[in-house]
Amino acid sequence: MTTLITVGNSEGKRRCDARCHDAKSIDCDCVCGGMNHGKGEAAARENTQRFAEKILSDYKAKTGEDAIIIPQQAALFA
C-alpha cells in the first residue's frame, strides 16, 4: 500500500494511502484533507508533490533556508 503523506504526534500517526486515493466513498478523514480522495495513485502523487513543493517554498520564504529532505522524500522532487 503506497503511503503518500504521514503525520505523527504524541496521539499517533495519520496517513494518506491507497485507502484514500483509491476510495469509492465520499467520506474522507485522511490527513490530506480530501486533496487525494478517490483521485487514483498517479493523480494523488502529483497532488502530493505540488503540496510538498509549496510547503518547501513557503518554508524558504519564511526562514531564508532550504528545508532538509530525507532520501525517502527525494523521489517527490526528482
N, C-alpha and C. Protein backbone atom coordinates (compact mmCIF):
# COMPACT_ATOMS: atom_id res chain seq x y z
N MET A 1 0.86 -1.18 0.00
CA MET A 1 0.00 0.00 0.00
C MET A 1 0.90 1.24 0.00
N THR A 2 0.74 2.09 -0.97
CA THR A 2 1.55 3.29 -1.09
C THR A 2 1.07 4.36 -0.11
N THR A 3 1.98 4.83 0.75
CA THR A 3 1.68 5.92 1.66
C THR A 3 2.29 7.18 1.10
N LEU A 4 1.48 8.20 0.87
CA LEU A 4 1.95 9.45 0.28
C LEU A 4 2.27 10.51 1.32
N ILE A 5 1.51 10.55 2.40
CA ILE A 5 1.71 11.54 3.46
C ILE A 5 1.54 10.83 4.80
N THR A 6 2.45 11.08 5.73
CA THR A 6 2.32 10.58 7.09
C THR A 6 2.57 11.74 8.04
N VAL A 7 1.69 11.91 8.99
CA VAL A 7 1.85 12.93 10.02
C VAL A 7 1.68 12.24 11.36
N GLY A 8 2.62 12.48 12.27
CA GLY A 8 2.54 11.84 13.57
C GLY A 8 2.76 12.84 14.68
N ASN A 9 2.16 12.54 15.80
CA ASN A 9 2.38 13.32 17.01
C ASN A 9 2.21 12.39 18.21
N SER A 10 2.14 12.92 19.40
CA SER A 10 2.04 12.08 20.59
C SER A 10 0.74 11.29 20.64
N GLU A 11 -0.23 11.66 19.84
CA GLU A 11 -1.50 10.94 19.82
C GLU A 11 -1.55 9.84 18.76
N GLY A 12 -0.49 9.70 17.97
CA GLY A 12 -0.44 8.66 16.96
C GLY A 12 -0.11 9.21 15.59
N LYS A 13 -0.30 8.36 14.58
CA LYS A 13 0.01 8.73 13.20
C LYS A 13 -1.26 8.74 12.36
N ARG A 14 -1.27 9.64 11.41
CA ARG A 14 -2.33 9.67 10.40
C ARG A 14 -1.62 9.66 9.06
N ARG A 15 -2.23 9.03 8.07
CA ARG A 15 -1.57 8.97 6.78
C ARG A 15 -2.56 9.00 5.62
N CYS A 16 -2.02 9.30 4.47
CA CYS A 16 -2.77 9.26 3.22
C CYS A 16 -2.17 8.11 2.41
N ASP A 17 -3.00 7.12 2.12
CA ASP A 17 -2.52 5.95 1.40
C ASP A 17 -3.61 5.46 0.43
N ALA A 18 -3.46 4.25 -0.04
CA ALA A 18 -4.40 3.72 -1.04
C ALA A 18 -5.85 3.71 -0.55
N ARG A 19 -6.05 3.61 0.75
CA ARG A 19 -7.44 3.66 1.26
C ARG A 19 -8.08 4.98 0.90
N CYS A 20 -7.28 6.02 0.77
CA CYS A 20 -7.79 7.34 0.39
C CYS A 20 -7.80 7.50 -1.13
N HIS A 21 -6.63 7.41 -1.77
CA HIS A 21 -6.59 7.74 -3.21
C HIS A 21 -7.33 6.74 -4.09
N ASP A 22 -7.61 5.53 -3.57
CA ASP A 22 -8.41 4.57 -4.33
C ASP A 22 -9.84 4.45 -3.80
N ALA A 23 -10.22 5.37 -2.92
CA ALA A 23 -11.54 5.30 -2.28
C ALA A 23 -12.68 5.47 -3.27
N LYS A 24 -13.78 4.82 -2.97
CA LYS A 24 -15.00 4.94 -3.78
C LYS A 24 -16.08 5.73 -3.03
N SER A 25 -15.94 5.82 -1.70
CA SER A 25 -16.94 6.54 -0.90
C SER A 25 -16.66 8.04 -0.95
N ILE A 26 -17.61 8.83 -0.49
CA ILE A 26 -17.42 10.29 -0.50
C ILE A 26 -16.79 10.81 0.78
N ASP A 27 -16.80 10.01 1.85
CA ASP A 27 -16.26 10.45 3.13
C ASP A 27 -14.75 10.31 3.18
N CYS A 28 -14.07 11.34 3.68
CA CYS A 28 -12.62 11.30 3.83
C CYS A 28 -12.24 11.92 5.17
N ASP A 29 -11.52 11.16 5.97
CA ASP A 29 -11.00 11.71 7.23
C ASP A 29 -9.47 11.57 7.24
N CYS A 30 -8.91 11.53 6.07
CA CYS A 30 -7.48 11.35 5.86
C CYS A 30 -6.72 12.65 6.15
N VAL A 31 -5.43 12.52 6.39
CA VAL A 31 -4.57 13.66 6.68
C VAL A 31 -4.45 14.62 5.47
N CYS A 32 -4.76 14.15 4.28
CA CYS A 32 -4.68 15.02 3.10
C CYS A 32 -5.83 16.01 3.03
N GLY A 33 -6.84 15.83 3.87
CA GLY A 33 -7.98 16.73 3.88
C GLY A 33 -8.86 16.61 2.65
N GLY A 34 -8.76 15.47 1.97
CA GLY A 34 -9.58 15.25 0.78
C GLY A 34 -8.88 15.57 -0.53
N MET A 35 -7.68 16.14 -0.47
CA MET A 35 -6.94 16.51 -1.67
C MET A 35 -6.73 15.32 -2.61
N ASN A 36 -6.50 14.13 -2.06
CA ASN A 36 -6.21 12.95 -2.87
C ASN A 36 -7.35 11.94 -2.92
N HIS A 37 -8.43 12.24 -2.25
CA HIS A 37 -9.52 11.27 -2.07
C HIS A 37 -10.14 10.85 -3.39
N GLY A 38 -10.02 9.54 -3.69
CA GLY A 38 -10.64 8.98 -4.89
C GLY A 38 -9.99 9.40 -6.20
N LYS A 39 -8.82 10.01 -6.16
CA LYS A 39 -8.17 10.54 -7.36
C LYS A 39 -7.34 9.50 -8.11
N GLY A 40 -7.05 8.37 -7.49
CA GLY A 40 -6.15 7.38 -8.08
C GLY A 40 -4.71 7.71 -7.69
N GLU A 41 -3.85 6.70 -7.75
CA GLU A 41 -2.49 6.88 -7.24
C GLU A 41 -1.69 7.91 -8.03
N ALA A 42 -1.76 7.89 -9.35
CA ALA A 42 -0.96 8.83 -10.16
C ALA A 42 -1.32 10.29 -9.86
N ALA A 43 -2.60 10.60 -9.85
CA ALA A 43 -3.02 11.97 -9.57
C ALA A 43 -2.70 12.36 -8.13
N ALA A 44 -2.84 11.42 -7.20
CA ALA A 44 -2.53 11.69 -5.80
C ALA A 44 -1.04 11.98 -5.62
N ARG A 45 -0.19 11.27 -6.34
CA ARG A 45 1.25 11.55 -6.29
C ARG A 45 1.54 12.97 -6.80
N GLU A 46 0.92 13.36 -7.89
CA GLU A 46 1.11 14.71 -8.44
C GLU A 46 0.61 15.76 -7.45
N ASN A 47 -0.56 15.55 -6.86
CA ASN A 47 -1.10 16.48 -5.86
C ASN A 47 -0.15 16.62 -4.68
N THR A 48 0.36 15.48 -4.21
CA THR A 48 1.25 15.48 -3.05
C THR A 48 2.56 16.18 -3.37
N GLN A 49 3.07 15.97 -4.59
CA GLN A 49 4.31 16.64 -4.99
C GLN A 49 4.12 18.16 -5.01
N ARG A 50 3.04 18.63 -5.60
CA ARG A 50 2.77 20.07 -5.63
C ARG A 50 2.61 20.64 -4.22
N PHE A 51 1.92 19.91 -3.37
CA PHE A 51 1.70 20.31 -1.98
C PHE A 51 3.05 20.41 -1.25
N ALA A 52 3.90 19.41 -1.41
CA ALA A 52 5.21 19.41 -0.75
C ALA A 52 6.08 20.55 -1.27
N GLU A 53 6.06 20.80 -2.57
CA GLU A 53 6.85 21.89 -3.14
C GLU A 53 6.40 23.24 -2.57
N LYS A 54 5.09 23.40 -2.38
CA LYS A 54 4.59 24.64 -1.79
C LYS A 54 5.04 24.79 -0.35
N ILE A 55 5.00 23.70 0.41
CA ILE A 55 5.45 23.76 1.80
C ILE A 55 6.93 24.16 1.86
N LEU A 56 7.76 23.56 0.99
CA LEU A 56 9.18 23.88 0.98
C LEU A 56 9.42 25.33 0.56
N SER A 57 8.67 25.79 -0.42
CA SER A 57 8.78 27.17 -0.89
C SER A 57 8.38 28.15 0.21
N ASP A 58 7.28 27.87 0.89
CA ASP A 58 6.81 28.71 1.99
C ASP A 58 7.83 28.74 3.12
N TYR A 59 8.43 27.58 3.41
CA TYR A 59 9.43 27.50 4.47
C TYR A 59 10.64 28.37 4.13
N LYS A 60 11.11 28.28 2.87
CA LYS A 60 12.26 29.08 2.45
C LYS A 60 11.93 30.57 2.50
N ALA A 61 10.73 30.94 2.07
CA ALA A 61 10.33 32.35 2.10
C ALA A 61 10.29 32.88 3.53
N LYS A 62 9.87 32.04 4.46
CA LYS A 62 9.75 32.45 5.85
C LYS A 62 11.10 32.49 6.57
N THR A 63 11.97 31.50 6.29
CA THR A 63 13.21 31.36 7.05
C THR A 63 14.46 31.76 6.27
N GLY A 64 14.36 31.79 4.94
CA GLY A 64 15.54 32.04 4.11
C GLY A 64 16.43 30.82 3.96
N GLU A 65 15.98 29.69 4.48
CA GLU A 65 16.77 28.46 4.43
C GLU A 65 16.03 27.37 3.66
N ASP A 66 16.82 26.47 3.07
CA ASP A 66 16.24 25.29 2.44
C ASP A 66 15.89 24.28 3.52
N ALA A 67 14.78 23.59 3.36
CA ALA A 67 14.42 22.52 4.28
C ALA A 67 15.25 21.29 3.96
N ILE A 68 15.45 20.45 4.95
CA ILE A 68 16.19 19.20 4.74
C ILE A 68 15.21 18.16 4.22
N ILE A 69 15.60 17.48 3.15
CA ILE A 69 14.78 16.43 2.56
C ILE A 69 15.48 15.10 2.79
N ILE A 70 14.78 14.16 3.41
CA ILE A 70 15.36 12.85 3.63
C ILE A 70 15.27 12.02 2.35
N PRO A 71 16.15 11.02 2.18
CA PRO A 71 16.18 10.24 0.94
C PRO A 71 14.83 9.66 0.52
N GLN A 72 14.01 9.24 1.48
CA GLN A 72 12.72 8.66 1.13
C GLN A 72 11.80 9.70 0.49
N GLN A 73 12.01 10.97 0.75
CA GLN A 73 11.18 12.04 0.17
C GLN A 73 11.74 12.55 -1.15
N ALA A 74 13.02 12.31 -1.40
CA ALA A 74 13.69 12.90 -2.56
C ALA A 74 13.02 12.57 -3.87
N ALA A 75 12.44 11.38 -3.98
CA ALA A 75 11.78 10.99 -5.23
C ALA A 75 10.63 11.92 -5.60
N LEU A 76 10.02 12.57 -4.62
CA LEU A 76 8.93 13.50 -4.92
C LEU A 76 9.42 14.71 -5.69
N PHE A 77 10.71 15.02 -5.58
CA PHE A 77 11.25 16.25 -6.17
C PHE A 77 12.15 15.98 -7.35
N ALA A 78 12.15 14.76 -7.86
CA ALA A 78 13.03 14.40 -9.00
C ALA A 78 12.48 14.96 -10.29
